[in-house]
């Protein structure tokens, strides 16, 4: 499984995503997480960043709304409780990683 965290420089939510991702990955077989700083719209389009932070799982953003355009902006994620947050919840991350495992 290939995981990539895309973020704008200084994004305050990127460390939150990193912590939650580390918690979900704990106890699993080792996975390499790469990080890519995005500095402009062309890079966001090239990488498929739909706001900062974005997690790509095997090159795909599992949290992107269908038809959404790449964005150089802060990103909000809706939690299971319906509230908005700056990063996916651990439960949401666990689900997308399990789906990626099942698809492999």
PDB file of N, CA and C in Angstrom:
ATOM      1  N   UNK A   1       0.849  -1.174   0.000  1.00  0.00           N
ATOM      2  CA  UNK A   1       0.000   0.000   0.000  1.00  0.00           C
ATOM      3  C   UNK A   1       0.893   1.236   0.000  1.00  0.00           C
ATOM      4  N   UNK A   2       0.528   2.186  -0.823  1.00  0.00           N
ATOM      5  CA  UNK A   2       1.287   3.432  -0.945  1.00  0.00           C
ATOM      6  C   UNK A   2       0.449   4.579  -0.368  1.00  0.00           C
ATOM      7  N   UNK A   3       0.982   5.246   0.651  1.00  0.00           N
ATOM      8  CA  UNK A   3       0.299   6.369   1.283  1.00  0.00           C
ATOM      9  C   UNK A   3       1.110   7.638   1.089  1.00  0.00           C
ATOM     10  N   UNK A   4       0.437   8.708   0.679  1.00  0.00           N
ATOM     11  CA  UNK A   4       1.090   9.998   0.473  1.00  0.00           C
ATOM     12  C   UNK A   4       0.246  11.082   1.121  1.00  0.00           C
ATOM     13  N   UNK A   5       0.879  11.890   1.962  1.00  0.00           N
ATOM     14  CA  UNK A   5       0.213  13.034   2.580  1.00  0.00           C
ATOM     15  C   UNK A   5       0.613  14.273   1.793  1.00  0.00           C
ATOM     16  N   UNK A   6      -0.379  14.957   1.248  1.00  0.00           N
ATOM     17  CA  UNK A   6      -0.169  16.205   0.524  1.00  0.00           C
ATOM     18  C   UNK A   6      -0.603  17.349   1.428  1.00  0.00           C
ATOM     19  N   UNK A   7       0.218  18.383   1.514  1.00  0.00           N
ATOM     20  CA  UNK A   7      -0.146  19.513   2.367  1.00  0.00           C
ATOM     21  C   UNK A   7       0.518  20.784   1.872  1.00  0.00           C
ATOM     22  N   UNK A   8      -0.130  21.882   2.191  1.00  0.00           N
ATOM     23  CA  UNK A   8       0.460  23.197   1.951  1.00  0.00           C
ATOM     24  C   UNK A   8       1.474  23.471   3.047  1.00  0.00           C
ATOM     25  N   UNK A   9       2.519  24.246   2.764  1.00  0.00           N
ATOM     26  CA  UNK A   9       3.478  24.591   3.812  1.00  0.00           C
ATOM     27  C   UNK A   9       2.758  25.273   4.986  1.00  0.00           C
ATOM     28  N   UNK A  10       3.056  24.808   6.192  1.00  0.00           N
ATOM     29  CA  UNK A  10       2.480  25.410   7.391  1.00  0.00           C
ATOM     30  C   UNK A  10       1.044  25.019   7.675  1.00  0.00           C
ATOM     31  N   UNK A  11       0.494  24.056   6.958  1.00  0.00           N
ATOM     32  CA  UNK A  11      -0.888  23.635   7.183  1.00  0.00           C
ATOM     33  C   UNK A  11      -1.042  23.133   8.623  1.00  0.00           C
ATOM     34  N   UNK A  12      -1.926  23.753   9.413  1.00  0.00           N
ATOM     35  CA  UNK A  12      -2.063  23.337  10.816  1.00  0.00           C
ATOM     36  C   UNK A  12      -2.746  21.978  10.980  1.00  0.00           C
ATOM     37  N   UNK A  13      -3.418  21.491   9.947  1.00  0.00           N
ATOM     38  CA  UNK A  13      -4.123  20.220  10.066  1.00  0.00           C
ATOM     39  C   UNK A  13      -3.285  19.030   9.617  1.00  0.00           C
ATOM     40  N   UNK A  14      -2.180  19.273   8.921  1.00  0.00           N
ATOM     41  CA  UNK A  14      -1.326  18.174   8.469  1.00  0.00           C
ATOM     42  C   UNK A  14      -0.786  17.358   9.644  1.00  0.00           C
ATOM     43  N   UNK A  15      -0.298  17.991  10.724  1.00  0.00           N
ATOM     44  CA  UNK A  15       0.165  17.179  11.862  1.00  0.00           C
ATOM     45  C   UNK A  15      -0.954  16.357  12.504  1.00  0.00           C
ATOM     46  N   UNK A  16      -2.173  16.857  12.470  1.00  0.00           N
ATOM     47  CA  UNK A  16      -3.311  16.107  13.009  1.00  0.00           C
ATOM     48  C   UNK A  16      -3.531  14.845  12.182  1.00  0.00           C
ATOM     49  N   UNK A  17      -3.524  15.000  10.857  1.00  0.00           N
ATOM     50  CA  UNK A  17      -3.653  13.840   9.973  1.00  0.00           C
ATOM     51  C   UNK A  17      -2.517  12.855  10.226  1.00  0.00           C
ATOM     52  N   UNK A  18      -1.310  13.353  10.345  1.00  0.00           N
ATOM     53  CA  UNK A  18      -0.143  12.481  10.572  1.00  0.00           C
ATOM     54  C   UNK A  18      -0.299  11.684  11.872  1.00  0.00           C
ATOM     55  N   UNK A  19      -0.746  12.333  12.953  1.00  0.00           N
ATOM     56  CA  UNK A  19      -0.928  11.641  14.236  1.00  0.00           C
ATOM     57  C   UNK A  19      -2.013  10.572  14.141  1.00  0.00           C
ATOM     58  N   UNK A  20      -3.120  10.923  13.524  1.00  0.00           N
ATOM     59  CA  UNK A  20      -4.211   9.951  13.393  1.00  0.00           C
ATOM     60  C   UNK A  20      -3.807   8.784  12.511  1.00  0.00           C
ATOM     61  N   UNK A  21      -3.105   9.073  11.442  1.00  0.00           N
ATOM     62  CA  UNK A  21      -2.646   8.022  10.548  1.00  0.00           C
ATOM     63  C   UNK A  21      -1.668   7.094  11.272  1.00  0.00           C
ATOM     64  N   UNK A  22      -0.746   7.665  12.048  1.00  0.00           N
ATOM     65  CA  UNK A  22       0.206   6.855  12.809  1.00  0.00           C
ATOM     66  C   UNK A  22      -0.530   5.944  13.793  1.00  0.00           C
ATOM     67  N   UNK A  23      -1.568   6.452  14.431  1.00  0.00           N
ATOM     68  CA  UNK A  23      -2.336   5.646  15.381  1.00  0.00           C
ATOM     69  C   UNK A  23      -3.019   4.484  14.670  1.00  0.00           C
ATOM     70  N   UNK A  24      -3.562   4.730  13.489  1.00  0.00           N
ATOM     71  CA  UNK A  24      -4.252   3.686  12.732  1.00  0.00           C
ATOM     72  C   UNK A  24      -3.261   2.658  12.188  1.00  0.00           C
ATOM     73  N   UNK A  25      -2.069   3.099  11.825  1.00  0.00           N
ATOM     74  CA  UNK A  25      -1.064   2.194  11.266  1.00  0.00           C
ATOM     75  C   UNK A  25      -0.344   1.377  12.329  1.00  0.00           C
ATOM     76  N   UNK A  26      -0.422   1.786  13.586  1.00  0.00           N
ATOM     77  CA  UNK A  26       0.256   1.064  14.669  1.00  0.00           C
ATOM     78  C   UNK A  26      -0.258  -0.373  14.723  1.00  0.00           C
ATOM     79  N   UNK A  27       0.678  -1.318  14.759  1.00  0.00           N
ATOM     80  CA  UNK A  27       0.312  -2.723  14.840  1.00  0.00           C
ATOM     81  C   UNK A  27       0.034  -3.383  13.507  1.00  0.00           C
ATOM     82  N   UNK A  28       0.020  -2.605  12.447  1.00  0.00           N
ATOM     83  CA  UNK A  28      -0.177  -3.166  11.105  1.00  0.00           C
ATOM     84  C   UNK A  28       1.186  -3.469  10.496  1.00  0.00           C
ATOM     85  N   UNK A  29       1.205  -4.254   9.426  1.00  0.00           N
ATOM     86  CA  UNK A  29       2.483  -4.432   8.725  1.00  0.00           C
ATOM     87  C   UNK A  29       3.036  -3.066   8.316  1.00  0.00           C
ATOM     88  N   UNK A  30       4.360  -2.939   8.279  1.00  0.00           N
ATOM     89  CA  UNK A  30       4.962  -1.634   7.959  1.00  0.00           C
ATOM     90  C   UNK A  30       4.477  -1.075   6.619  1.00  0.00           C
ATOM     91  N   UNK A  31       4.181   0.219   6.638  1.00  0.00           N
ATOM     92  CA  UNK A  31       3.746   0.947   5.448  1.00  0.00           C
ATOM     93  C   UNK A  31       4.588   2.215   5.373  1.00  0.00           C
ATOM     94  N   UNK A  32       5.058   2.542   4.200  1.00  0.00           N
ATOM     95  CA  UNK A  32       5.797   3.781   4.011  1.00  0.00           C
ATOM     96  C   UNK A  32       4.821   4.899   3.706  1.00  0.00           C
ATOM     97  N   UNK A  33       4.959   5.985   4.450  1.00  0.00           N
ATOM     98  CA  UNK A  33       4.139   7.171   4.213  1.00  0.00           C
ATOM     99  C   UNK A  33       5.068   8.250   3.675  1.00  0.00           C
ATOM    100  N   UNK A  34       4.787   8.727   2.476  1.00  0.00           N
ATOM    101  CA  UNK A  34       5.581   9.816   1.924  1.00  0.00           C
ATOM    102  C   UNK A  34       4.814  11.117   2.104  1.00  0.00           C
ATOM    103  N   UNK A  35       5.556  12.201   2.101  1.00  0.00           N
ATOM    104  CA  UNK A  35       4.972  13.523   2.272  1.00  0.00           C
ATOM    105  C   UNK A  35       5.380  14.405   1.111  1.00  0.00           C
ATOM    106  N   UNK A  36       4.422  15.204   0.639  1.00  0.00           N
ATOM    107  CA  UNK A  36       4.689  16.102  -0.473  1.00  0.00           C
ATOM    108  C   UNK A  36       4.102  17.468  -0.149  1.00  0.00           C
ATOM    109  N   UNK A  37       4.970  18.479  -0.097  1.00  0.00           N
ATOM    110  CA  UNK A  37       4.484  19.847   0.071  1.00  0.00           C
ATOM    111  C   UNK A  37       4.018  20.359  -1.282  1.00  0.00           C
ATOM    112  N   UNK A  38       2.858  20.955  -1.286  1.00  0.00           N
ATOM    113  CA  UNK A  38       2.261  21.501  -2.503  1.00  0.00           C
ATOM    114  C   UNK A  38       2.337  23.019  -2.409  1.00  0.00           C
ATOM    115  N   UNK A  39       2.897  23.645  -3.438  1.00  0.00           N
ATOM    116  CA  UNK A  39       3.128  25.094  -3.362  1.00  0.00           C
ATOM    117  C   UNK A  39       2.303  25.912  -4.342  1.00  0.00           C
ATOM    118  N   UNK A  40       1.506  25.265  -5.176  1.00  0.00           N
ATOM    119  CA  UNK A  40       0.714  26.042  -6.122  1.00  0.00           C
ATOM    120  C   UNK A  40      -0.363  25.208  -6.792  1.00  0.00           C
ATOM    121  N   UNK A  41      -1.192  25.877  -7.568  1.00  0.00           N
ATOM    122  CA  UNK A  41      -2.329  25.231  -8.214  1.00  0.00           C
ATOM    123  C   UNK A  41      -1.902  24.140  -9.199  1.00  0.00           C
ATOM    124  N   UNK A  42      -0.823  24.378  -9.935  1.00  0.00           N
ATOM    125  CA  UNK A  42      -0.374  23.376 -10.908  1.00  0.00           C
ATOM    126  C   UNK A  42       0.046  22.089 -10.198  1.00  0.00           C
ATOM    127  N   UNK A  43       0.756  22.238  -9.090  1.00  0.00           N
ATOM    128  CA  UNK A  43       1.156  21.061  -8.308  1.00  0.00           C
ATOM    129  C   UNK A  43      -0.054  20.360  -7.705  1.00  0.00           C
ATOM    130  N   UNK A  44      -1.017  21.126  -7.212  1.00  0.00           N
ATOM    131  CA  UNK A  44      -2.232  20.540  -6.645  1.00  0.00           C
ATOM    132  C   UNK A  44      -2.949  19.708  -7.699  1.00  0.00           C
ATOM    133  N   UNK A  45      -3.036  20.226  -8.908  1.00  0.00           N
ATOM    134  CA  UNK A  45      -3.685  19.493  -9.997  1.00  0.00           C
ATOM    135  C   UNK A  45      -2.887  18.242 -10.362  1.00  0.00           C
ATOM    136  N   UNK A  46      -1.573  18.381 -10.432  1.00  0.00           N
ATOM    137  CA  UNK A  46      -0.713  17.252 -10.793  1.00  0.00           C
ATOM    138  C   UNK A  46      -0.840  16.107  -9.787  1.00  0.00           C
ATOM    139  N   UNK A  47      -0.863  16.450  -8.505  1.00  0.00           N
ATOM    140  CA  UNK A  47      -0.914  15.442  -7.449  1.00  0.00           C
ATOM    141  C   UNK A  47      -2.340  15.012  -7.097  1.00  0.00           C
ATOM    142  N   UNK A  48      -3.326  15.789  -7.483  1.00  0.00           N
ATOM    143  CA  UNK A  48      -4.708  15.463  -7.132  1.00  0.00           C
ATOM    144  C   UNK A  48      -5.066  15.871  -5.715  1.00  0.00           C
ATOM    145  N   UNK A  49      -4.542  17.005  -5.279  1.00  0.00           N
ATOM    146  CA  UNK A  49      -4.839  17.495  -3.936  1.00  0.00           C
ATOM    147  C   UNK A  49      -6.164  18.259  -3.954  1.00  0.00           C
ATOM    148  N   UNK A  50      -7.080  17.841  -3.097  1.00  0.00           N
ATOM    149  CA  UNK A  50      -8.392  18.474  -2.999  1.00  0.00           C
ATOM    150  C   UNK A  50      -8.484  19.333  -1.746  1.00  0.00           C
ATOM    151  N   UNK A  51      -7.416  19.974  -1.394  1.00  0.00           N
ATOM    152  CA  UNK A  51      -7.325  20.791  -0.187  1.00  0.00           C
ATOM    153  C   UNK A  51      -6.296  20.190   0.744  1.00  0.00           C
ATOM    154  N   UNK A  52      -5.836  20.992   1.666  1.00  0.00           N
ATOM    155  CA  UNK A  52      -4.761  20.580   2.571  1.00  0.00           C
ATOM    156  C   UNK A  52      -5.306  20.308   3.961  1.00  0.00           C
ATOM    157  N   UNK A  53      -4.999  19.137   4.508  1.00  0.00           N
ATOM    158  CA  UNK A  53      -4.202  18.045   3.959  1.00  0.00           C
ATOM    159  C   UNK A  53      -5.060  17.062   3.167  1.00  0.00           C
ATOM    160  N   UNK A  54      -4.404  16.349   2.263  1.00  0.00           N
ATOM    161  CA  UNK A  54      -5.022  15.278   1.488  1.00  0.00           C
ATOM    162  C   UNK A  54      -4.207  14.019   1.695  1.00  0.00           C
ATOM    163  N   UNK A  55      -4.881  12.909   1.872  1.00  0.00           N
ATOM    164  CA  UNK A  55      -4.220  11.605   1.935  1.00  0.00           C
ATOM    165  C   UNK A  55      -4.510  10.864   0.647  1.00  0.00           C
ATOM    166  N   UNK A  56      -3.465  10.460  -0.040  1.00  0.00           N
ATOM    167  CA  UNK A  56      -3.618   9.596  -1.213  1.00  0.00           C
ATOM    168  C   UNK A  56      -3.326   8.165  -0.786  1.00  0.00           C
ATOM    169  N   UNK A  57      -4.206   7.259  -1.139  1.00  0.00           N
ATOM    170  CA  UNK A  57      -4.026   5.834  -0.883  1.00  0.00           C
ATOM    171  C   UNK A  57      -3.883   5.175  -2.244  1.00  0.00           C
ATOM    172  N   UNK A  58      -2.689   4.683  -2.504  1.00  0.00           N
ATOM    173  CA  UNK A  58      -2.375   4.106  -3.812  1.00  0.00           C
ATOM    174  C   UNK A  58      -2.666   5.101  -4.936  1.00  0.00           C
ATOM    175  N   UNK A  59      -2.324   6.375  -4.686  1.00  0.00           N
ATOM    176  CA  UNK A  59      -2.456   7.418  -5.691  1.00  0.00           C
ATOM    177  C   UNK A  59      -3.839   8.005  -5.831  1.00  0.00           C
ATOM    178  N   UNK A  60      -4.784   7.579  -5.000  1.00  0.00           N
ATOM    179  CA  UNK A  60      -6.176   8.019  -5.095  1.00  0.00           C
ATOM    180  C   UNK A  60      -6.607   8.676  -3.775  1.00  0.00           C
ATOM    181  N   UNK A  61      -7.394   9.730  -3.874  1.00  0.00           N
ATOM    182  CA  UNK A  61      -7.930  10.415  -2.698  1.00  0.00           C
ATOM    183  C   UNK A  61      -9.276   9.781  -2.343  1.00  0.00           C
ATOM    184  N   UNK A  62      -9.313   8.912  -1.337  1.00  0.00           N
ATOM    185  CA  UNK A  62     -10.563   8.229  -1.010  1.00  0.00           C
ATOM    186  C   UNK A  62     -11.610   9.128  -0.359  1.00  0.00           C
ATOM    187  N   UNK A  63     -11.232  10.328   0.026  1.00  0.00           N
ATOM    188  CA  UNK A  63     -12.161  11.251   0.685  1.00  0.00           C
ATOM    189  C   UNK A  63     -12.693  12.324  -0.257  1.00  0.00           C
ATOM    190  N   UNK A  64     -12.240  12.334  -1.502  1.00  0.00           N
ATOM    191  CA  UNK A  64     -12.667  13.369  -2.451  1.00  0.00           C
ATOM    192  C   UNK A  64     -14.109  13.156  -2.873  1.00  0.00           C
ATOM    193  N   UNK A  65     -14.843  14.240  -2.956  1.00  0.00           N
ATOM    194  CA  UNK A  65     -16.197  14.181  -3.502  1.00  0.00           C
ATOM    195  C   UNK A  65     -16.086  13.973  -5.009  1.00  0.00           C
ATOM    196  N   UNK A  66     -16.931  13.127  -5.579  1.00  0.00           N
ATOM    197  CA  UNK A  66     -16.888  12.910  -7.033  1.00  0.00           C
ATOM    198  C   UNK A  66     -17.001  14.240  -7.789  1.00  0.00           C
ATOM    199  N   UNK A  67     -16.115  14.421  -8.745  1.00  0.00           N
ATOM    200  CA  UNK A  67     -16.142  15.622  -9.569  1.00  0.00           C
ATOM    201  C   UNK A  67     -15.503  16.842  -8.936  1.00  0.00           C
ATOM    202  N   UNK A  68     -14.967  16.705  -7.722  1.00  0.00           N
ATOM    203  CA  UNK A  68     -14.350  17.869  -7.083  1.00  0.00           C
ATOM    204  C   UNK A  68     -13.033  18.203  -7.781  1.00  0.00           C
ATOM    205  N   UNK A  69     -12.741  19.483  -7.832  1.00  0.00           N
ATOM    206  CA  UNK A  69     -11.539  19.967  -8.509  1.00  0.00           C
ATOM    207  C   UNK A  69     -10.377  20.047  -7.515  1.00  0.00           C
ATOM    208  N   UNK A  70      -9.157  19.938  -8.007  1.00  0.00           N
ATOM    209  CA  UNK A  70      -8.005  20.160  -7.139  1.00  0.00           C
ATOM    210  C   UNK A  70      -8.078  21.562  -6.525  1.00  0.00           C
ATOM    211  N   UNK A  71      -7.532  21.695  -5.314  1.00  0.00           N
ATOM    212  CA  UNK A  71      -7.626  22.982  -4.623  1.00  0.00           C
ATOM    213  C   UNK A  71      -6.387  23.265  -3.789  1.00  0.00           C
ATOM    214  N   UNK A  72      -6.000  24.521  -3.786  1.00  0.00           N
ATOM    215  CA  UNK A  72      -4.935  25.013  -2.909  1.00  0.00           C
ATOM    216  C   UNK A  72      -5.645  25.811  -1.824  1.00  0.00           C
ATOM    217  N   UNK A  73      -6.148  25.085  -0.842  1.00  0.00           N
ATOM    218  CA  UNK A  73      -6.964  25.692   0.217  1.00  0.00           C
ATOM    219  C   UNK A  73      -6.981  24.744   1.405  1.00  0.00           C
ATOM    220  N   UNK A  74      -7.488  25.220   2.522  1.00  0.00           N
ATOM    221  CA  UNK A  74      -7.708  24.344   3.663  1.00  0.00           C
ATOM    222  C   UNK A  74      -8.835  23.382   3.313  1.00  0.00           C
ATOM    223  N   UNK A  75      -8.747  22.208   3.876  1.00  0.00           N
ATOM    224  CA  UNK A  75      -9.758  21.183   3.608  1.00  0.00           C
ATOM    225  C   UNK A  75     -10.448  20.803   4.908  1.00  0.00           C
ATOM    226  N   UNK A  76     -11.738  20.557   4.815  1.00  0.00           N
ATOM    227  CA  UNK A  76     -12.499  20.101   5.965  1.00  0.00           C
ATOM    228  C   UNK A  76     -13.103  18.736   5.657  1.00  0.00           C
ATOM    229  N   UNK A  77     -13.132  17.900   6.677  1.00  0.00           N
ATOM    230  CA  UNK A  77     -13.680  16.554   6.582  1.00  0.00           C
ATOM    231  C   UNK A  77     -14.848  16.442   7.552  1.00  0.00           C
ATOM    232  N   UNK A  78     -15.912  15.771   7.126  1.00  0.00           N
ATOM    233  CA  UNK A  78     -17.067  15.577   8.002  1.00  0.00           C
ATOM    234  C   UNK A  78     -16.868  14.281   8.780  1.00  0.00           C
ATOM    235  N   UNK A  79     -16.947  14.378  10.100  1.00  0.00           N
ATOM    236  CA  UNK A  79     -16.794  13.218  10.962  1.00  0.00           C
ATOM    237  C   UNK A  79     -18.081  12.417  11.062  1.00  0.00           C
ATOM    238  N   UNK A  80     -18.002  11.284  11.733  1.00  0.00           N
ATOM    239  CA  UNK A  80     -19.163  10.424  11.923  1.00  0.00           C
ATOM    240  C   UNK A  80     -20.274  11.140  12.689  1.00  0.00           C
ATOM    241  N   UNK A  81     -19.888  12.107  13.520  1.00  0.00           N
ATOM    242  CA  UNK A  81     -20.865  12.873  14.298  1.00  0.00           C
ATOM    243  C   UNK A  81     -21.461  14.035  13.508  1.00  0.00           C
ATOM    244  N   UNK A  82     -21.016  14.180  12.242  1.00  0.00           N
ATOM    245  CA  UNK A  82     -21.526  15.243  11.390  1.00  0.00           C
ATOM    246  C   UNK A  82     -20.770  16.548  11.497  1.00  0.00           C
ATOM    247  N   UNK A  83     -19.861  16.646  12.475  1.00  0.00           N
ATOM    248  CA  UNK A  83     -19.089  17.872  12.654  1.00  0.00           C
ATOM    249  C   UNK A  83     -17.913  17.908  11.691  1.00  0.00           C
ATOM    250  N   UNK A  84     -17.484  19.119  11.358  1.00  0.00           N
ATOM    251  CA  UNK A  84     -16.341  19.294  10.459  1.00  0.00           C
ATOM    252  C   UNK A  84     -15.044  19.300  11.250  1.00  0.00           C
ATOM    253  N   UNK A  85     -14.011  18.752  10.632  1.00  0.00           N
ATOM    254  CA  UNK A  85     -12.689  18.679  11.249  1.00  0.00           C
ATOM    255  C   UNK A  85     -11.655  18.872  10.150  1.00  0.00           C
ATOM    256  N   UNK A  86     -10.435  19.226  10.528  1.00  0.00           N
ATOM    257  CA  UNK A  86      -9.375  19.486   9.564  1.00  0.00           C
ATOM    258  C   UNK A  86      -8.669  18.249   9.043  1.00  0.00           C
ATOM    259  N   UNK A  87      -9.039  17.071   9.561  1.00  0.00           N
ATOM    260  CA  UNK A  87      -8.428  15.819   9.111  1.00  0.00           C
ATOM    261  C   UNK A  87      -9.446  14.701   9.290  1.00  0.00           C
ATOM    262  N   UNK A  88      -9.311  13.622   8.524  1.00  0.00           N
ATOM    263  CA  UNK A  88     -10.220  12.489   8.701  1.00  0.00           C
ATOM    264  C   UNK A  88     -10.070  11.893  10.103  1.00  0.00           C
ATOM    265  N   UNK A  89     -11.153  11.341  10.611  1.00  0.00           N
ATOM    266  CA  UNK A  89     -11.100  10.678  11.911  1.00  0.00           C
ATOM    267  C   UNK A  89     -10.310   9.377  11.791  1.00  0.00           C
ATOM    268  N   UNK A  90      -9.897   8.832  12.934  1.00  0.00           N
ATOM    269  CA  UNK A  90      -9.216   7.540  12.914  1.00  0.00           C
ATOM    270  C   UNK A  90     -10.124   6.464  12.338  1.00  0.00           C
ATOM    271  N   UNK A  91     -11.407   6.520  12.664  1.00  0.00           N
ATOM    272  CA  UNK A  91     -12.348   5.524  12.132  1.00  0.00           C
ATOM    273  C   UNK A  91     -12.426   5.602  10.608  1.00  0.00           C
ATOM    274  N   UNK A  92     -12.470   6.814  10.069  1.00  0.00           N
ATOM    275  CA  UNK A  92     -12.531   6.987   8.611  1.00  0.00           C
ATOM    276  C   UNK A  92     -11.235   6.506   7.966  1.00  0.00           C
ATOM    277  N   UNK A  93     -10.113   6.809   8.577  1.00  0.00           N
ATOM    278  CA  UNK A  93      -8.827   6.342   8.046  1.00  0.00           C
ATOM    279  C   UNK A  93      -8.760   4.821   8.073  1.00  0.00           C
ATOM    280  N   UNK A  94      -9.189   4.232   9.165  1.00  0.00           N
ATOM    281  CA  UNK A  94      -9.184   2.770   9.290  1.00  0.00           C
ATOM    282  C   UNK A  94     -10.030   2.146   8.168  1.00  0.00           C
ATOM    283  N   UNK A  95     -11.195   2.718   7.899  1.00  0.00           N
ATOM    284  CA  UNK A  95     -12.073   2.195   6.835  1.00  0.00           C
ATOM    285  C   UNK A  95     -11.398   2.233   5.468  1.00  0.00           C
ATOM    286  N   UNK A  96     -10.786   3.373   5.122  1.00  0.00           N
ATOM    287  CA  UNK A  96     -10.194   3.459   3.781  1.00  0.00           C
ATOM    288  C   UNK A  96      -8.979   2.544   3.651  1.00  0.00           C
ATOM    289  N   UNK A  97      -8.227   2.344   4.738  1.00  0.00           N
ATOM    290  CA  UNK A  97      -7.092   1.428   4.666  1.00  0.00           C
ATOM    291  C   UNK A  97      -7.563  -0.018   4.552  1.00  0.00           C
ATOM    292  N   UNK A  98      -8.638  -0.365   5.255  1.00  0.00           N
ATOM    293  CA  UNK A  98      -9.196  -1.712   5.129  1.00  0.00           C
ATOM    294  C   UNK A  98      -9.717  -1.962   3.723  1.00  0.00           C
ATOM    295  N   UNK A  99     -10.360  -0.944   3.139  1.00  0.00           N
ATOM    296  CA  UNK A  99     -10.841  -1.071   1.756  1.00  0.00           C
ATOM    297  C   UNK A  99      -9.680  -1.260   0.783  1.00  0.00           C
ATOM    298  N   UNK A 100      -8.585  -0.520   1.013  1.00  0.00           N
ATOM    299  CA  UNK A 100      -7.409  -0.658   0.150  1.00  0.00           C
ATOM    300  C   UNK A 100      -6.788  -2.033   0.298  1.00  0.00           C
ATOM    301  N   UNK A 101      -6.754  -2.553   1.534  1.00  0.00           N
ATOM    302  CA  UNK A 101      -6.234  -3.920   1.754  1.00  0.00           C
ATOM    303  C   UNK A 101      -7.092  -4.942   1.014  1.00  0.00           C
ATOM    304  N   UNK A 102      -8.402  -4.773   1.089  1.00  0.00           N
ATOM    305  CA  UNK A 102      -9.313  -5.738   0.457  1.00  0.00           C
ATOM    306  C   UNK A 102      -9.201  -5.699  -1.060  1.00  0.00           C
ATOM    307  N   UNK A 103      -8.900  -4.518  -1.618  1.00  0.00           N
ATOM    308  CA  UNK A 103      -8.797  -4.368  -3.065  1.00  0.00           C
ATOM    309  C   UNK A 103      -7.479  -4.909  -3.612  1.00  0.00           C
ATOM    310  N   UNK A 104      -6.504  -5.082  -2.723  1.00  0.00           N
ATOM    311  CA  UNK A 104      -5.165  -5.518  -3.167  1.00  0.00           C
ATOM    312  C   UNK A 104      -5.130  -6.993  -3.502  1.00  0.00           C
TER     313      UNK A 104
END
